[in-house]
N, C-alpha and C. Protein backbone atom coordinates (compact mmCIF):
# COMPACT_ATOMS: atom_id res chain seq x y z
N MET A 1 0.78 -1.05 -0.06
CA MET A 1 -0.02 0.00 0.04
C MET A 1 0.82 1.25 0.05
N LEU A 2 1.90 1.16 0.85
CA LEU A 2 2.67 2.43 0.89
C LEU A 2 3.68 2.70 -0.35
N LEU A 3 3.78 1.47 -0.94
CA LEU A 3 4.77 1.45 -2.18
C LEU A 3 3.86 1.94 -3.44
N ILE A 4 2.49 1.68 -3.44
CA ILE A 4 1.62 2.21 -4.18
C ILE A 4 1.63 3.74 -4.09
N LEU A 5 1.36 4.36 -2.98
CA LEU A 5 1.46 5.65 -2.67
C LEU A 5 2.40 6.70 -2.95
N ARG A 6 3.65 5.88 -2.82
CA ARG A 6 4.88 6.47 -2.91
C ARG A 6 5.20 6.51 -4.44
N VAL A 7 4.69 5.43 -5.26
CA VAL A 7 4.98 5.83 -6.67
C VAL A 7 3.99 6.83 -7.19
N ILE A 8 2.76 6.79 -6.68
CA ILE A 8 1.60 7.70 -7.20
C ILE A 8 2.04 9.21 -7.11
N PHE A 9 2.73 9.54 -5.72
CA PHE A 9 3.06 10.70 -5.39
C PHE A 9 4.43 11.35 -6.24
N ALA A 10 5.23 10.04 -6.45
CA ALA A 10 6.28 10.62 -7.39
C ALA A 10 5.87 10.84 -8.86
N VAL A 11 5.28 9.74 -9.15
CA VAL A 11 4.66 10.44 -10.63
C VAL A 11 4.05 11.64 -10.63
N ILE A 12 3.35 12.30 -9.69
CA ILE A 12 2.75 13.40 -9.87
C ILE A 12 3.69 14.47 -9.77
N VAL A 13 4.66 14.23 -8.82
CA VAL A 13 5.76 15.36 -8.59
C VAL A 13 6.28 15.34 -10.07
N ALA A 14 6.77 14.27 -10.77
CA ALA A 14 7.56 14.38 -11.83
C ALA A 14 6.58 15.05 -12.98
N ILE A 15 5.32 14.63 -12.96
CA ILE A 15 4.69 15.40 -14.11
C ILE A 15 4.66 16.89 -14.03
N ILE A 16 4.36 17.34 -12.74
CA ILE A 16 4.03 18.94 -12.57
C ILE A 16 5.54 19.39 -12.82
N GLY A 17 6.70 18.72 -12.05
CA GLY A 17 7.92 19.31 -12.39
C GLY A 17 8.38 19.31 -13.81
N GLY A 18 7.94 18.23 -14.60
CA GLY A 18 8.32 18.20 -16.17
C GLY A 18 7.24 19.53 -16.80
N TYR A 19 6.23 19.69 -16.49
CA TYR A 19 5.26 20.39 -16.85
C TYR A 19 6.02 22.11 -16.60
N GLY A 20 6.45 22.35 -15.41
CA GLY A 20 6.94 23.54 -15.01
C GLY A 20 8.37 23.80 -15.90
N LEU A 21 9.12 22.91 -15.98
CA LEU A 21 10.25 22.81 -17.03
C LEU A 21 10.11 23.04 -18.54
N ILE A 22 9.18 22.51 -18.86
CA ILE A 22 9.14 22.75 -20.43
C ILE A 22 7.92 23.75 -20.91
N THR A 23 7.21 24.37 -19.83
CA THR A 23 6.51 25.63 -20.25
C THR A 23 7.11 26.91 -19.52
N LYS A 24 7.83 26.72 -18.70
CA LYS A 24 8.38 27.89 -17.86
C LYS A 24 7.24 28.64 -17.03
N ASN A 25 6.38 27.58 -16.59
CA ASN A 25 5.17 28.12 -15.78
C ASN A 25 5.29 27.59 -14.61
N PHE A 26 5.69 28.14 -13.27
CA PHE A 26 5.83 27.70 -12.23
C PHE A 26 4.71 27.88 -11.02
N GLU A 27 3.58 28.22 -11.56
CA GLU A 27 2.67 28.48 -10.59
C GLU A 27 1.87 27.16 -9.90
N PHE A 28 2.26 26.07 -10.37
CA PHE A 28 2.17 24.85 -9.63
C PHE A 28 3.24 24.05 -8.46
N GLN A 29 4.10 24.90 -8.60
CA GLN A 29 5.48 24.58 -7.84
C GLN A 29 5.15 24.30 -6.31
N SER A 30 4.20 25.18 -5.79
CA SER A 30 3.54 24.69 -4.61
C SER A 30 3.01 23.37 -4.46
N TYR A 31 2.18 22.87 -5.38
CA TYR A 31 1.33 21.80 -5.36
C TYR A 31 2.37 20.49 -5.53
N MET A 32 3.58 20.71 -6.32
CA MET A 32 4.54 19.94 -6.34
C MET A 32 5.02 19.66 -5.00
N LEU A 33 5.70 20.53 -4.42
CA LEU A 33 6.19 20.54 -3.04
C LEU A 33 5.47 19.73 -2.10
N PHE A 34 4.17 20.14 -2.00
CA PHE A 34 3.02 19.45 -1.44
C PHE A 34 3.15 17.76 -1.39
N PHE A 35 3.05 17.40 -2.97
CA PHE A 35 3.16 16.07 -3.04
C PHE A 35 4.36 15.42 -2.71
N LEU A 36 5.55 16.36 -3.13
CA LEU A 36 6.68 15.89 -2.45
C LEU A 36 6.81 15.70 -1.11
N SER A 37 6.16 16.35 -0.12
CA SER A 37 6.20 16.26 1.09
C SER A 37 5.42 15.10 1.59
N LEU A 38 4.25 14.64 0.96
CA LEU A 38 3.46 13.59 1.19
C LEU A 38 4.32 12.32 0.97
N MET A 39 5.15 12.39 -0.35
CA MET A 39 6.08 11.23 -0.60
C MET A 39 7.13 11.03 0.58
N MET A 40 7.46 12.12 1.21
CA MET A 40 8.51 11.87 1.99
C MET A 40 7.97 11.29 3.39
N LEU A 41 6.78 11.63 3.67
CA LEU A 41 5.96 11.07 4.75
C LEU A 41 5.77 9.62 4.57
N VAL A 42 5.21 9.24 3.59
CA VAL A 42 5.15 7.70 3.00
C VAL A 42 6.54 6.94 3.23
N MET A 43 7.52 7.84 2.75
CA MET A 43 8.97 6.82 2.56
C MET A 43 9.30 6.73 4.39
N GLY A 44 8.95 7.74 5.14
CA GLY A 44 9.40 7.72 6.44
C GLY A 44 8.58 6.70 7.04
N LEU A 45 7.29 6.51 6.62
CA LEU A 45 6.44 5.40 7.45
C LEU A 45 7.01 4.05 6.74
N GLU A 46 7.47 3.81 5.53
CA GLU A 46 8.25 2.59 5.10
C GLU A 46 9.35 2.31 6.10
N GLU A 47 10.26 3.48 6.42
CA GLU A 47 11.39 3.12 6.89
C GLU A 47 11.10 2.81 8.50
N PHE A 48 9.78 3.28 9.19
CA PHE A 48 9.32 3.06 10.46
C PHE A 48 8.98 1.66 10.54
N GLN A 49 8.41 0.96 9.37
CA GLN A 49 8.10 -0.26 9.33
C GLN A 49 9.25 -1.24 9.20
N LYS A 50 10.27 -0.59 8.60
CA LYS A 50 11.61 -1.43 8.84
C LYS A 50 12.47 -1.48 9.85
N GLY A 51 12.13 -0.46 10.90
CA GLY A 51 12.69 -0.40 11.88
C GLY A 51 14.07 0.65 11.89
N ARG A 52 14.16 1.31 10.78
CA ARG A 52 15.47 2.19 10.72
C ARG A 52 15.08 3.72 11.33
N LYS A 53 15.31 3.74 12.36
CA LYS A 53 14.92 5.05 13.24
C LYS A 53 15.61 6.33 12.66
N VAL A 54 16.62 6.31 12.29
CA VAL A 54 17.40 7.53 11.60
C VAL A 54 16.91 7.75 10.51
N TYR A 55 16.50 7.02 9.45
CA TYR A 55 15.79 7.45 8.34
C TYR A 55 14.50 7.92 8.55
N VAL A 56 13.98 7.40 9.51
CA VAL A 56 12.72 7.75 9.82
C VAL A 56 12.43 9.49 10.43
N TRP A 57 13.51 9.66 11.35
CA TRP A 57 13.63 11.17 11.67
C TRP A 57 14.17 12.09 10.56
N ILE A 58 14.82 11.57 9.45
CA ILE A 58 15.41 12.35 8.32
C ILE A 58 14.23 12.61 7.49
N SER A 59 13.43 11.60 7.19
CA SER A 59 12.11 11.72 6.45
C SER A 59 11.10 12.58 7.01
N LEU A 60 10.85 12.53 8.20
CA LEU A 60 9.83 13.30 9.21
C LEU A 60 10.22 14.79 8.95
N VAL A 61 11.69 15.22 9.10
CA VAL A 61 12.24 16.47 9.31
C VAL A 61 11.94 16.77 7.81
N ALA A 62 12.15 16.23 6.78
CA ALA A 62 12.02 16.64 5.23
C ALA A 62 10.65 17.07 5.14
N PHE A 63 9.78 15.96 5.52
CA PHE A 63 8.28 16.14 5.26
C PHE A 63 7.65 17.41 5.90
N LEU A 64 8.18 17.78 7.20
CA LEU A 64 7.84 19.03 8.06
C LEU A 64 8.43 20.27 6.93
N PHE A 65 9.61 20.08 6.76
CA PHE A 65 10.24 21.43 5.91
C PHE A 65 9.45 21.38 4.78
N LEU A 66 9.17 20.56 3.85
CA LEU A 66 8.70 20.71 2.56
C LEU A 66 6.96 21.10 2.75
N LEU A 67 6.43 20.63 3.82
CA LEU A 67 5.09 20.86 4.08
C LEU A 67 5.09 22.48 4.33
N PHE A 68 5.89 22.87 4.92
CA PHE A 68 6.08 24.19 5.53
C PHE A 68 6.29 25.38 4.48
N VAL A 69 7.40 24.82 3.66
CA VAL A 69 7.42 25.45 2.26
C VAL A 69 6.30 25.54 1.31
N SER A 70 5.78 24.49 1.10
CA SER A 70 4.46 24.44 0.03
C SER A 70 3.51 25.35 0.56
N LEU A 71 3.07 25.41 2.05
CA LEU A 71 2.14 26.08 2.56
C LEU A 71 2.26 27.39 2.51
N GLN A 72 3.55 27.77 2.75
CA GLN A 72 3.94 29.09 2.62
C GLN A 72 3.79 29.70 1.42
N GLY A 73 4.15 28.65 0.19
CA GLY A 73 3.91 29.10 -1.09
C GLY A 73 2.22 29.30 -1.52
N PHE A 74 1.52 28.58 -0.91
CA PHE A 74 0.24 28.78 -1.03
C PHE A 74 -0.30 30.20 -0.62
N PHE A 75 0.09 30.54 0.42
CA PHE A 75 -0.32 31.70 1.16
C PHE A 75 0.01 32.73 0.64
N LEU A 76 1.54 32.77 0.24
CA LEU A 76 2.42 33.82 -0.28
C LEU A 76 1.82 34.16 -1.57
N SER A 77 1.39 33.18 -2.49
CA SER A 77 1.12 33.36 -3.87
C SER A 77 -0.28 34.00 -3.95
N GLN A 78 -1.24 33.70 -3.11
CA GLN A 78 -2.52 34.36 -2.93
C GLN A 78 -2.47 35.93 -2.53
N LEU A 79 -1.37 36.00 -1.39
CA LEU A 79 -1.01 37.37 -1.00
C LEU A 79 -0.39 38.26 -2.27
N TRP A 80 0.38 37.83 -3.21
CA TRP A 80 1.21 38.31 -4.02
C TRP A 80 0.12 38.47 -4.99
N GLU A 81 -0.71 38.00 -5.43
CA GLU A 81 -1.70 38.16 -6.45
C GLU A 81 -2.66 39.30 -5.91
N SER A 82 -3.00 39.40 -4.69
CA SER A 82 -3.97 40.74 -4.21
C SER A 82 -3.02 41.85 -4.27
N GLU A 83 -1.94 41.76 -3.72
CA GLU A 83 -0.87 42.97 -3.74
C GLU A 83 -0.62 43.38 -5.22
N VAL A 84 -0.62 42.53 -6.16
CA VAL A 84 -0.06 43.11 -7.74
C VAL A 84 -1.32 43.79 -8.10
N LYS A 85 -2.76 43.13 -7.94
CA LYS A 85 -3.64 43.76 -8.29
C LYS A 85 -3.85 45.22 -7.79
N GLU A 86 -3.61 45.45 -6.50
CA GLU A 86 -3.65 46.81 -5.85
C GLU A 86 -2.74 47.59 -6.76
N ILE A 87 -1.58 47.45 -6.68
CA ILE A 87 -0.31 48.20 -7.20
C ILE A 87 -0.82 48.36 -8.71
N ASP A 88 -1.46 47.27 -9.50
CA ASP A 88 -1.70 47.60 -10.94
C ASP A 88 -2.85 48.74 -11.01
N PHE A 89 -3.65 48.64 -10.05
CA PHE A 89 -5.02 49.61 -9.93
C PHE A 89 -4.38 51.10 -9.65
N PHE A 90 -3.48 50.75 -8.70
CA PHE A 90 -2.82 52.41 -8.22
C PHE A 90 -1.94 52.94 -9.44
N CYS A 91 -1.15 52.06 -10.14
CA CYS A 91 -0.51 52.60 -11.25
C CYS A 91 -1.23 53.21 -12.31
N LYS A 92 -2.39 52.41 -12.87
CA LYS A 92 -3.35 52.86 -13.80
C LYS A 92 -4.10 54.23 -13.26
N ARG A 93 -4.34 54.28 -12.22
CA ARG A 93 -4.96 55.49 -11.89
C ARG A 93 -4.11 56.51 -11.80
N HIS A 94 -2.94 56.52 -11.33
CA HIS A 94 -1.66 57.43 -11.27
C HIS A 94 -1.34 57.79 -12.92
N PHE A 95 -1.48 56.90 -13.59
CA PHE A 95 -1.10 57.25 -15.02
C PHE A 95 -1.89 57.96 -15.49
N LEU A 96 -3.35 57.71 -15.37
CA LEU A 96 -4.49 58.52 -15.98
C LEU A 96 -4.39 60.05 -15.48
N LYS A 97 -4.03 60.39 -14.30
CA LYS A 97 -4.08 61.54 -13.51
C LYS A 97 -2.91 62.25 -14.53
N VAL A 98 -1.90 61.59 -14.44
CA VAL A 98 -0.67 62.19 -15.11
C VAL A 98 -0.89 62.57 -16.59
N ARG A 99 -1.40 61.54 -17.12
CA ARG A 99 -1.95 61.82 -18.63
C ARG A 99 -2.93 63.00 -18.90
N ASN A 100 -3.91 63.18 -17.91
CA ASN A 100 -4.70 63.90 -18.09
C ASN A 100 -4.36 65.67 -17.84
N ALA A 101 -3.25 65.32 -16.86
CA ALA A 101 -2.51 66.62 -16.58
C ALA A 101 -1.89 67.40 -17.53
N PHE A 102 -1.07 66.34 -18.70
CA PHE A 102 -0.39 66.84 -19.65
C PHE A 102 -1.06 66.88 -20.90
N SER A 103 -2.54 66.58 -20.97
CA SER A 103 -3.07 66.35 -22.11
C SER A 103 -3.81 68.06 -22.60
N TYR A 104 -3.66 68.25 -23.55
CA TYR A 104 -3.87 69.61 -24.20
C TYR A 104 -5.33 69.67 -24.60
């Protein structure tokens, strides 16, 4: 069961990574990191079943780090989009004021 989950998560990560490299569109990078974190969690569970404590801790730390980075990416991308819209609105409004001031 864990092997199947690990392969599924690895395929998802490879597809999203390949899509980003081919199209130069990295908007799905947070999803890739999220699925990579789940893959690390599954790998940690596999190592726990085998009794390898050191690898369990390494996988757990990697899982937590990747989960933190992916969630941060989700929230910052939403915040970034809202700030860009506000800046874009301000620039357009300011440009119209300047253009109207210099129009004859």
